[in-house]
Protein backbone atom coordinates (compact mmCIF):
# COMPACT_ATOMS: atom_id res chain seq x y z
CA MET A 1 -38.86 10.32 31.67
CA ARG A 2 -40.13 14.20 31.35
CA LYS A 3 -43.08 14.58 28.75
CA ILE A 4 -42.36 17.46 25.92
CA GLU A 5 -44.19 20.13 25.41
CA SER A 6 -44.45 23.44 23.24
CA ILE A 7 -43.07 26.30 24.43
CA SER A 8 -43.29 29.35 22.64
CA VAL A 9 -41.11 32.54 22.54
CA PHE A 10 -43.93 34.05 24.49
CA ASP A 11 -43.27 31.78 27.29
CA MET A 12 -39.80 32.32 27.12
CA LEU A 13 -39.91 36.10 26.91
CA LYS A 14 -43.08 37.23 29.23
CA VAL A 15 -43.45 41.06 30.17
CA GLY A 16 -43.83 41.19 34.40
CA VAL A 17 -42.94 42.82 37.59
CA GLY A 18 -40.12 42.67 39.71
CA PRO A 19 -38.13 41.27 41.24
CA SER A 20 -38.49 37.60 40.81
CA SER A 21 -40.12 35.72 38.17
CA SER A 22 -40.83 32.13 40.22
CA HIS A 23 -41.13 34.30 43.52
CA THR A 24 -42.91 37.48 42.23
CA LEU A 25 -44.17 36.95 38.71
CA GLY A 26 -45.25 33.19 39.46
CA PRO A 27 -47.11 33.54 42.83
CA TRP A 28 -49.20 36.59 40.95
CA ARG A 29 -49.84 34.42 38.00
CA ALA A 30 -50.81 31.70 40.36
CA ALA A 31 -53.21 33.67 42.28
CA VAL A 32 -55.10 35.03 39.19
CA ARG A 33 -54.86 31.04 38.01
CA TRP A 34 -57.09 29.91 41.45
CA ILE A 35 -59.38 32.42 41.11
CA GLN A 36 -60.09 31.19 37.08
CA LYS A 37 -60.60 27.90 38.97
CA LEU A 38 -62.73 28.70 41.60
CA LYS A 39 -64.93 30.26 38.72
CA ALA A 40 -64.83 27.27 36.23
CA ASN A 41 -66.11 25.41 39.30
CA ASN A 42 -68.49 27.92 40.35
CA ARG A 43 -67.15 28.59 43.96
CA PHE A 44 -66.26 32.15 43.44
CA ASP A 45 -68.86 33.57 44.81
CA SER A 46 -69.24 31.01 47.79
CA VAL A 47 -65.70 32.08 49.18
CA THR A 48 -66.25 33.75 52.63
CA GLN A 49 -62.36 33.81 53.62
CA ILE A 50 -58.90 32.69 52.07
CA THR A 51 -55.86 31.69 53.40
CA VAL A 52 -52.31 31.49 51.53
CA GLU A 53 -49.34 29.21 52.47
CA LEU A 54 -46.29 29.61 51.11
CA TYR A 55 -43.50 26.75 51.15
CA GLY A 56 -39.87 26.43 51.17
CA SER A 57 -37.75 28.92 48.93
CA LEU A 58 -41.19 30.91 48.59
CA THR A 59 -40.71 31.38 52.49
CA LEU A 60 -37.22 32.02 52.89
CA THR A 61 -36.52 34.52 50.35
CA GLY A 62 -40.14 35.36 49.63
CA LYS A 63 -40.51 38.67 51.53
CA GLY A 64 -37.23 40.20 49.86
CA HIS A 65 -38.86 38.91 46.52
CA ALA A 66 -42.41 40.81 47.14
CA THR A 67 -43.92 37.44 47.01
CA ASP A 68 -46.66 38.31 49.60
CA ILE A 69 -47.00 41.59 47.80
CA ALA A 70 -47.21 39.69 44.80
CA VAL A 71 -49.69 37.20 46.07
CA LEU A 72 -52.18 39.92 47.32
CA LEU A 73 -51.92 41.81 43.74
CA GLY A 74 -52.80 38.46 41.99
CA LEU A 75 -55.78 37.95 44.74
CA GLU A 76 -57.03 41.35 43.59
CA GLY A 77 -57.32 40.24 39.88
CA LEU A 78 -54.83 42.61 38.51
CA ASP A 79 -52.96 41.95 35.44
CA PRO A 80 -48.66 41.40 35.97
CA THR A 81 -48.61 42.67 32.17
CA THR A 82 -50.56 45.82 32.68
CA PHE A 83 -51.49 47.09 35.84
CA PRO A 84 -49.58 50.13 36.42
CA ILE A 85 -46.73 49.47 39.34
CA ALA A 86 -46.70 53.03 40.30
CA GLU A 87 -50.39 51.73 42.30
CA ILE A 88 -48.89 48.73 43.80
CA THR A 89 -48.07 50.52 46.56
CA THR A 90 -51.30 52.44 46.89
CA VAL A 91 -52.81 48.71 46.64
CA ILE A 92 -51.19 46.97 49.27
CA ASN A 93 -51.42 49.83 51.77
CA ARG A 94 -55.07 49.77 51.35
CA ILE A 95 -55.57 45.89 52.23
CA THR A 96 -53.12 46.01 55.05
CA THR A 97 -54.52 48.87 56.32
CA GLN A 98 -58.66 48.14 55.56
CA GLU A 99 -57.96 44.34 56.40
CA GLN A 100 -60.11 43.36 53.33
CA LEU A 101 -59.43 42.06 49.64
CA HIS A 102 -61.28 43.38 46.51
CA PHE A 103 -61.27 39.64 45.64
CA ASN A 104 -60.70 39.89 41.95
CA ARG A 105 -62.00 43.40 41.70
CA GLU A 106 -65.49 41.83 42.06
CA ARG A 107 -66.08 41.31 46.16
CA THR A 108 -64.68 42.55 49.33
CA ILE A 109 -63.72 39.36 51.80
CA GLY A 110 -61.81 40.21 54.79
CA PHE A 111 -58.35 39.39 54.39
CA THR A 112 -55.23 40.13 57.27
CA PRO A 113 -52.04 40.10 55.36
CA LYS A 114 -49.68 39.08 58.35
CA LYS A 115 -52.09 36.59 59.67
CA ASP A 116 -53.70 34.88 56.38
CA ILE A 117 -50.65 34.78 54.45
CA ILE A 118 -48.27 31.86 56.30
CA PHE A 119 -45.03 31.43 55.83
CA ASN A 120 -44.00 27.64 55.65
CA ARG A 121 -40.46 26.62 55.43
CA LYS A 122 -41.11 23.32 54.68
CA PHE A 123 -40.15 21.88 51.18
CA LYS A 124 -43.12 20.50 49.39
CA GLU A 125 -41.33 17.07 47.41
CA PHE A 126 -42.47 17.92 43.92
CA HIS A 127 -40.44 21.60 43.87
CA PRO A 128 -39.17 24.15 46.06
CA ASN A 129 -42.08 26.81 45.40
CA GLY A 130 -44.83 25.94 46.47
CA ILE A 131 -48.33 27.86 47.02
CA THR A 132 -51.20 26.90 48.16
CA PHE A 133 -54.53 28.59 48.46
CA ARG A 134 -57.27 27.52 50.93
CA ALA A 135 -60.88 28.67 50.96
CA GLN A 136 -63.39 28.54 52.96
CA LEU A 137 -67.64 28.57 51.08
CA THR A 138 -70.80 29.60 52.49
CA SER A 139 -71.73 25.75 52.57
CA GLY A 140 -69.54 24.93 55.44
CA LYS A 141 -66.79 23.32 53.14
CA LYS A 142 -63.19 23.96 52.51
CA THR A 143 -61.30 24.12 49.19
CA SER A 144 -57.53 24.48 48.04
CA ASP A 145 -55.27 24.18 45.43
CA THR A 146 -51.49 23.95 45.36
CA TYR A 147 -49.25 25.85 42.44
CA TYR A 148 -45.84 25.47 41.83
CA SER A 149 -43.62 28.42 40.87
CA ILE A 150 -41.44 26.54 38.64
CA GLY A 151 -39.20 29.37 37.20
CA GLY A 152 -39.29 31.83 34.52
CA GLY A 153 -43.04 32.73 35.37
CA PHE A 154 -44.31 29.90 34.58
CA VAL A 155 -47.16 28.19 37.06
CA VAL A 156 -48.16 24.49 37.08
CA GLN A 157 -50.12 22.01 39.41
CA GLU A 158 -49.09 18.53 39.77
CA GLU A 159 -52.34 17.11 38.05
CA ARG A 160 -51.19 18.69 34.98
CA LYS A 161 -54.21 19.65 32.67
CA ARG A 162 -52.94 22.08 30.13
CA SER A 163 -49.27 19.75 29.55
CA LYS A 164 -51.50 17.67 26.89
CA ILE A 165 -52.62 20.66 25.55
CA LYS A 166 -48.57 21.56 25.24
CA GLN A 167 -47.66 18.30 23.89
CA GLN A 168 -50.28 18.48 21.35
CA GLN A 169 -49.36 21.69 20.25
CA LEU A 170 -45.42 20.69 20.09
CA LYS A 171 -47.00 17.52 17.87
CA ALA A 172 -48.58 20.12 15.68
CA PHE A 173 -45.58 22.36 14.98
CA PRO A 174 -43.63 21.89 11.96
CA PHE A 175 -40.48 21.22 13.57
CA PRO A 176 -41.55 19.55 17.13
CA VAL A 177 -37.81 20.35 18.76
CA GLU A 178 -36.64 18.22 21.22
CA SER A 179 -32.90 18.82 21.73
CA GLY A 180 -30.02 20.87 19.95
CA LEU A 181 -29.14 17.73 17.72
CA GLU A 182 -33.24 17.59 16.19
CA LEU A 183 -32.64 21.40 15.50
CA LEU A 184 -29.60 21.22 13.66
CA ALA A 185 -31.02 18.21 11.78
CA TYR A 186 -34.30 20.93 10.49
CA CYS A 187 -31.99 23.50 9.84
CA SER A 188 -29.70 21.40 7.74
CA ALA A 189 -32.65 19.30 5.91
CA GLU A 190 -34.74 22.76 5.58
CA ASN A 191 -31.17 24.87 5.07
CA LYS A 192 -33.21 27.22 7.28
CA LYS A 193 -31.29 29.44 10.12
CA ILE A 194 -32.68 28.49 13.82
CA SER A 195 -34.67 31.67 13.72
CA GLU A 196 -36.31 30.73 10.83
CA ILE A 197 -37.17 27.38 12.14
CA VAL A 198 -38.40 28.67 15.38
CA TRP A 199 -40.98 31.41 13.07
CA GLU A 200 -42.37 28.44 11.39
CA ASN A 201 -43.18 26.69 14.56
CA GLU A 202 -44.60 30.12 15.74
CA LYS A 203 -47.01 30.43 13.39
CA SER A 204 -48.93 27.06 14.18
CA LEU A 205 -49.70 29.07 17.58
CA ALA A 206 -51.03 32.56 15.79
CA THR A 207 -50.65 35.11 13.01
CA GLU A 208 -47.93 36.83 11.64
CA GLU A 209 -49.28 39.93 12.76
CA THR A 210 -49.97 39.08 16.53
CA ILE A 211 -46.35 37.47 16.64
CA ASN A 212 -45.11 40.84 16.03
CA HIS A 213 -46.85 42.77 17.68
CA GLY A 214 -45.92 40.39 20.63
CA LEU A 215 -42.68 41.15 19.94
CA HIS A 216 -42.35 44.02 19.69
CA GLN A 217 -44.15 44.83 22.93
CA ILE A 218 -41.67 42.53 24.12
CA TRP A 219 -38.66 44.92 22.92
CA GLU A 220 -40.26 48.07 24.11
CA VAL A 221 -40.65 46.84 27.22
CA MET A 222 -36.78 45.69 27.31
CA LEU A 223 -36.08 49.04 25.48
CA ASP A 224 -37.95 51.15 28.24
CA SER A 225 -36.74 49.06 31.54
CA MET A 226 -33.02 50.34 30.13
CA TYR A 227 -34.03 53.93 29.72
CA THR A 228 -35.35 54.06 33.01
CA GLY A 229 -32.96 52.41 34.79
CA CYS A 230 -30.21 54.59 33.11
CA HIS A 231 -32.03 57.95 34.05
CA THR A 232 -33.24 56.88 37.98
CA GLU A 233 -31.13 57.69 40.74
CA GLY A 234 -31.05 56.70 44.02
CA ILE A 235 -31.03 53.83 46.46
CA LEU A 236 -32.78 50.55 45.76
CA PRO A 237 -35.50 49.52 48.36
CA GLY A 238 -35.08 47.04 50.80
CA GLY A 239 -32.24 47.81 53.12
CA LEU A 240 -29.14 46.74 52.19
CA ASN A 241 -28.95 50.84 50.89
CA VAL A 242 -27.74 49.50 47.44
CA ARG A 243 -26.67 52.85 45.34
CA ARG A 244 -28.02 52.69 41.97
CA ARG A 245 -24.91 52.36 39.29
CA ALA A 246 -26.40 52.44 36.05
CA PHE A 247 -27.30 56.38 36.32
CA ASP A 248 -23.64 57.34 37.13
CA THR A 249 -22.56 55.36 34.50
CA HIS A 250 -24.44 56.32 31.81
CA LYS A 251 -24.20 59.94 33.16
CA THR A 252 -20.63 59.30 32.11
CA LEU A 253 -21.09 57.62 28.87
CA ILE A 254 -23.39 59.73 27.07
CA GLY A 255 -21.84 63.50 27.63
CA GLU A 256 -23.99 66.44 26.60
CA SER A 257 -26.04 64.04 23.84
CA LYS A 258 -29.47 65.97 24.05
CA TYR A 259 -32.60 63.45 23.04
CA SER A 260 -36.18 62.72 24.24
CA ASN A 261 -37.17 59.57 24.14
CA ALA A 262 -35.76 56.00 24.31
CA HIS A 263 -35.41 56.12 20.17
CA GLU A 264 -33.40 58.81 19.97
CA TRP A 265 -31.33 57.94 22.79
CA ILE A 266 -30.12 54.96 20.66
CA GLU A 267 -29.15 57.12 17.97
CA CYS A 268 -27.40 59.48 20.90
CA ILE A 269 -25.44 56.14 21.79
CA ARG A 270 -24.47 54.88 18.28
CA GLY A 271 -22.59 58.51 18.36
CA THR A 272 -20.35 58.11 21.37
CA GLU A 273 -16.84 57.14 22.13
CA VAL A 274 -16.62 53.17 21.75
CA LYS A 275 -13.06 52.24 22.36
CA PHE A 276 -13.07 48.38 24.30
CA ARG A 277 -13.66 50.01 27.79
CA GLN A 278 -16.40 51.92 26.53
CA ILE A 279 -18.05 49.06 25.01
CA LEU A 280 -17.50 47.12 28.40
CA LYS A 281 -19.46 50.14 30.39
CA TRP A 282 -21.98 50.16 28.04
CA VAL A 283 -22.93 46.30 28.25
CA SER A 284 -22.82 46.68 31.77
CA CYS A 285 -25.00 49.97 31.98
CA PHE A 286 -27.73 48.34 29.94
CA ALA A 287 -27.75 44.82 32.09
CA LEU A 288 -27.12 46.33 35.41
CA ALA A 289 -30.04 49.05 34.55
CA VAL A 290 -32.65 46.52 33.88
CA ASN A 291 -32.25 44.92 37.16
CA GLU A 292 -31.89 48.12 39.28
CA VAL A 293 -35.48 48.58 37.78
CA ASN A 294 -36.70 44.85 38.79
CA ALA A 295 -35.40 45.09 41.79
CA SER A 296 -37.57 48.43 42.68
CA LEU A 297 -40.61 46.16 41.31
CA GLY A 298 -40.16 47.49 38.14
CA ARG A 299 -41.68 46.25 34.80
CA VAL A 300 -39.37 43.49 32.59
CA VAL A 301 -39.28 41.02 30.48
CA THR A 302 -38.33 37.60 32.36
CA ALA A 303 -35.95 36.69 29.72
CA PRO A 304 -35.99 33.74 31.14
CA THR A 305 -36.16 35.18 34.58
CA ASN A 306 -36.78 38.28 36.02
CA GLY A 307 -33.38 37.66 38.09
CA SER A 308 -31.52 37.41 34.70
CA ALA A 309 -33.70 40.08 32.67
CA GLY A 310 -30.81 42.20 31.93
CA VAL A 311 -28.48 40.15 29.85
CA ILE A 312 -30.45 39.53 26.74
CA PRO A 313 -31.79 42.97 26.29
CA ALA A 314 -28.20 44.26 26.64
CA VAL A 315 -26.67 41.96 24.29
CA MET A 316 -29.41 43.48 22.01
CA MET A 317 -28.28 46.67 22.42
CA TYR A 318 -25.05 46.31 22.17
CA TYR A 319 -25.77 44.90 18.66
CA LEU A 320 -27.85 48.08 17.99
CA VAL A 321 -25.74 50.68 19.16
CA ILE A 322 -22.22 48.91 18.70
CA GLU A 323 -22.29 46.10 15.61
CA ASN A 324 -24.98 47.64 13.19
CA HIS A 325 -26.00 50.91 13.40
CA ASP A 326 -28.24 49.79 10.82
CA ALA A 327 -30.34 47.40 12.62
CA ASN A 328 -33.72 47.41 12.92
CA PHE A 329 -37.01 45.35 14.07
CA ASP A 330 -36.28 42.48 11.89
CA ASP A 331 -33.11 42.04 13.90
CA ILE A 332 -34.37 42.53 17.26
CA LYS A 333 -37.16 39.79 16.25
CA GLN A 334 -34.08 37.51 14.82
CA PHE A 335 -32.62 37.87 17.94
CA MET A 336 -35.43 36.78 20.32
CA LEU A 337 -36.55 33.72 18.23
CA VAL A 338 -33.22 32.29 18.56
CA ALA A 339 -32.76 33.66 22.30
CA ALA A 340 -35.97 31.95 22.78
CA GLU A 341 -35.47 28.39 21.34
CA ILE A 342 -32.13 27.90 23.07
CA GLY A 343 -34.06 29.05 26.30
CA SER A 344 -36.56 26.32 25.46
CA LEU A 345 -33.93 23.90 25.24
CA PHE A 346 -32.61 24.46 28.85
CA LYS A 347 -36.22 24.16 30.14
CA LYS A 348 -37.25 20.78 28.76
CA GLY A 349 -33.43 19.31 29.35
CA ALA A 350 -32.99 20.88 32.69
CA THR A 351 -34.62 23.70 34.43
CA ILE A 352 -34.43 28.16 34.54
CA SER A 353 -35.17 27.76 38.05
CA ALA A 354 -32.77 29.09 40.75
CA ALA A 355 -34.66 27.49 43.34
CA MET A 356 -34.22 24.02 41.48
CA GLY A 357 -30.45 24.90 39.70
CA GLY A 358 -29.43 28.01 41.59
CA CYS A 359 -27.73 30.96 39.60
CA GLN A 360 -26.69 28.77 36.54
CA ALA A 361 -30.65 28.23 35.66
CA GLU A 362 -30.97 32.16 35.50
CA ILE A 363 -27.60 34.16 34.46
CA GLY A 364 -26.36 30.61 33.11
CA VAL A 365 -29.38 30.05 30.41
CA SER A 366 -29.85 33.91 29.86
CA SER A 367 -25.95 34.36 28.84
CA ALA A 368 -26.40 31.31 26.80
CA MET A 369 -29.83 32.18 25.30
CA ALA A 370 -28.13 35.70 24.59
CA ALA A 371 -25.08 34.14 22.98
CA GLY A 372 -26.46 31.92 20.90
CA ALA A 373 -28.89 34.89 19.55
CA LEU A 374 -26.00 37.28 18.40
CA THR A 375 -23.97 34.64 16.56
CA GLU A 376 -26.69 33.95 14.51
CA LEU A 377 -27.08 38.16 13.79
CA MET A 378 -23.24 38.02 13.45
CA GLY A 379 -23.51 35.67 10.25
CA GLY A 380 -22.70 32.54 12.47
CA SER A 381 -24.07 29.01 11.22
CA PRO A 382 -26.96 26.88 13.15
CA GLU A 383 -23.95 25.04 14.66
CA GLN A 384 -21.87 27.90 15.68
CA VAL A 385 -25.15 29.07 17.23
CA LEU A 386 -25.22 26.03 19.46
CA MET A 387 -21.63 26.15 19.83
CA ALA A 388 -21.68 29.83 21.75
CA SER A 389 -24.75 28.97 23.81
CA GLU A 390 -22.46 25.95 24.86
CA ILE A 391 -19.53 27.92 25.48
CA ALA A 392 -21.68 30.41 27.64
CA MET A 393 -23.18 27.64 29.65
CA GLU A 394 -19.93 25.88 30.24
CA HIS A 395 -18.40 28.69 32.05
CA HIS A 396 -21.71 29.32 34.17
CA LEU A 397 -21.69 25.61 35.42
CA GLY A 398 -22.24 25.25 39.05
CA LEU A 399 -23.10 28.64 39.96
CA THR A 400 -24.83 29.54 42.82
CA CYS A 401 -28.16 31.68 44.34
CA ASP A 402 -27.07 33.23 47.29
CA PRO A 403 -28.84 36.19 47.63
CA ILE A 404 -28.07 38.34 50.51
CA GLY A 405 -31.17 38.81 52.40
CA GLY A 406 -33.34 37.49 50.16
CA LEU A 407 -33.09 40.18 47.88
CA VAL A 408 -32.57 40.20 43.70
CA GLN A 409 -29.79 42.88 44.33
CA ILE A 410 -26.26 41.17 45.44
CA PRO A 411 -25.00 39.47 43.52
CA CYS A 412 -27.73 39.31 41.23
CA ILE A 413 -27.56 42.97 39.40
CA GLU A 414 -23.52 42.61 38.77
CA ARG A 415 -24.39 38.83 37.54
CA ASN A 416 -26.37 40.42 34.46
CA ALA A 417 -23.47 42.61 33.69
CA MET A 418 -21.09 39.50 34.04
CA GLY A 419 -23.63 37.00 31.83
CA ALA A 420 -23.93 39.78 28.94
CA ILE A 421 -20.35 40.29 28.52
CA LYS A 422 -19.64 36.43 28.70
CA ALA A 423 -22.19 35.59 26.00
CA ILE A 424 -20.56 38.53 23.86
CA ASN A 425 -17.48 36.31 24.62
CA ALA A 426 -19.13 33.39 23.79
CA CYS A 427 -20.22 34.77 20.29
CA GLU A 428 -16.96 35.93 19.42
CA MET A 429 -15.12 32.34 20.35
CA ALA A 430 -17.92 30.80 18.21
CA LEU A 431 -17.52 32.59 15.20
CA ASP A 432 -13.86 32.20 15.09
CA THR A 433 -14.09 28.53 15.62
CA ASP A 434 -14.82 25.40 12.98
CA ALA A 435 -17.64 24.01 14.71
CA LYS A 436 -16.99 20.75 13.46
CA ASN A 437 -14.16 20.71 16.05
CA ALA A 438 -16.36 21.63 18.84
CA LYS A 439 -15.95 18.86 21.55
CA VAL A 440 -18.82 19.47 23.80
CA PRO A 441 -22.65 19.55 21.88
CA LEU A 442 -24.89 21.99 24.00
CA ASP A 443 -27.30 19.23 25.10
CA LYS A 444 -24.57 17.77 26.93
CA VAL A 445 -23.86 20.95 28.86
CA ILE A 446 -27.38 21.53 29.18
CA GLU A 447 -27.20 17.48 30.70
CA THR A 448 -24.53 18.19 32.94
CA MET A 449 -26.12 21.34 33.99
CA TRP A 450 -29.37 19.19 35.30
CA GLN A 451 -27.05 16.58 36.81
CA THR A 452 -25.21 19.58 38.23
CA ALA A 453 -28.24 21.29 39.78
CA LYS A 454 -29.31 17.75 41.46
CA ASP A 455 -26.11 17.59 43.00
CA MET A 456 -26.31 20.72 44.30
CA ASN A 457 -26.64 21.63 48.14
CA SER A 458 -30.19 22.88 48.57
CA LYS A 459 -28.30 25.72 50.80
CA TYR A 460 -27.29 27.46 47.14
CA LYS A 461 -30.24 27.33 45.53
CA GLU A 462 -32.28 30.34 45.96
CA THR A 463 -32.79 29.99 49.72
CA SER A 464 -30.68 32.30 50.95
CA GLU A 465 -28.82 29.37 53.29
CA GLY A 466 -25.74 29.75 52.28
CA GLY A 467 -22.54 31.66 50.53
CA LEU A 468 -22.63 35.41 50.17
CA ALA A 469 -26.27 35.07 52.24
CA VAL A 470 -24.51 34.09 54.96
CA ASN A 471 -21.33 35.37 55.02
CA VAL A 472 -22.18 39.05 54.42
CA ALA A 473 -24.58 40.55 57.03
CA LEU A 474 -27.35 43.08 56.35
CA SER A 475 -25.00 44.94 59.09
CA ASP A 476 -21.96 45.32 56.81
CA CYS A 477 -24.33 46.90 54.18
C-alpha cells in the first residue's frame, strides 16, 4: 500500500531547465542532493574521484535528454532554477576540455565525462530512472548512493527519510486529500472551491506572502517561455533538424502589433481577431512555443513535467487573452492551485513519469490539470472541475512515449498543443453537463491509468525502443 504524502503546489509546478524533468532536472537535482549528503556525513572534503552510472531509461534516452549534461551541472553545484542557461555550453566545454570538475564550486577534481559517466542499459527494480554516484575517498574507502528520478523533477532514494516528513505535513494540512472523492467532500462540507481548499493547505506550509511570491515567479517563467518561443526562429538542436514553428505562426497571428515586453504582448493579443481558427492557432502557438524553448535547454516550469510544460501555460493564456480580458494574478493563482491539486491526485494514485506510464503520465496528466483549472475559472462547480479532468485524461489513456532519437521534440512538442486543445474541450463539455450524471469518477480514471501504465510494454515507456522512435529513422528527418 502506498503511503500518501503532502504534495505542495510548488512540488507540482517547479522552475527548471529543459528538455526533460525526469531525465534532465531530476538527475541535476540528484547530483545536488548527493553533494548535500556527502557534506552531512563529513565526506565531501575527502572525495578524490567520482563516477556516475545511469540506468535504464536514463541511458536509453539520456543523450537526447541531456542527462549527462545535467549531471555535470549538478556536480558543479549549480542551481537549475537560477543558473543562466546561456552559460551552460561554456561550463560543459570547460569540463570536457580540462577534464576537471569544480565540485560544488569548492574543489577541483579530475573528471572525464566520456569515461566517468557510465550508460548502463540495465533497469533497476525500484524505478526505470536510476542514477548511482560513486566516490573514492582519501582513506581508500568508497561510498555510493543511488537516486531515482521519478518524474516531474522529483528525486527519491529507496530509503526515503523525507517521506516521513511529507507524511507528517499531510496530517498537518487542514484538508489532507488522498482522492478526488475526499476533495469533493471537503468542498461540500466547507462550502469552498477547490482552489480555496488548496490555499488553506498551502498556508500550513508557508506564509501567504511567500506563496504569492512563488506563484508570481512561476507565472513569469511560464510567460517568458511563451514569449521567448514565439519570438525565436531557427532549427532546434539535436540532429532532427526540427524547425521552430511557433515563430511563424505567431508572426501571422500578431500582425503589425507593437509591444516591447511580454505584458504589453498580452494586451496586443487581446486585440487580435479571435474566430475559431485563430483561437486554435493561438493555443497551439503558446504550447509549441514553450516546448520549443524546453527542447533547446531553455528555462520552463514543470507542469507537471518538462515534456508536458506547454499545456498549462497555453490554457492559462487562452483564458487571459480570449475568455477574460480583465483577468489578473488572482485568476492565475486560482488556476495554479487547482491544476496542482489535480496533478497531485495523479501522482498519489498513479504516476507522472513517462518512464513508468508512457505519455499518458505527462501530456494526459497536464491536460487533466489544465481542464480542471480552467473549469473552475469558468464558474464550474468542484464536481464539474473533476469531471473535466476525468474527460481530459480518459482520452489520453494508453498514450505512449516514443520520442524519435530520444529527443523531446517529435512527437512531444505537438502533443502539448493537442493536450491544451483537449483540455479546453473537456472544460466546455463538463460545463454543459450536470456532474450528477457523470458515469466515470476521476478516481476511477486515475486507477485505470495506473493499471494501464503497469500493463504497458516497456518499449512505450520513454525508452525510444518502440512506436515512432523505431519506425521513423533519423535519416528520415
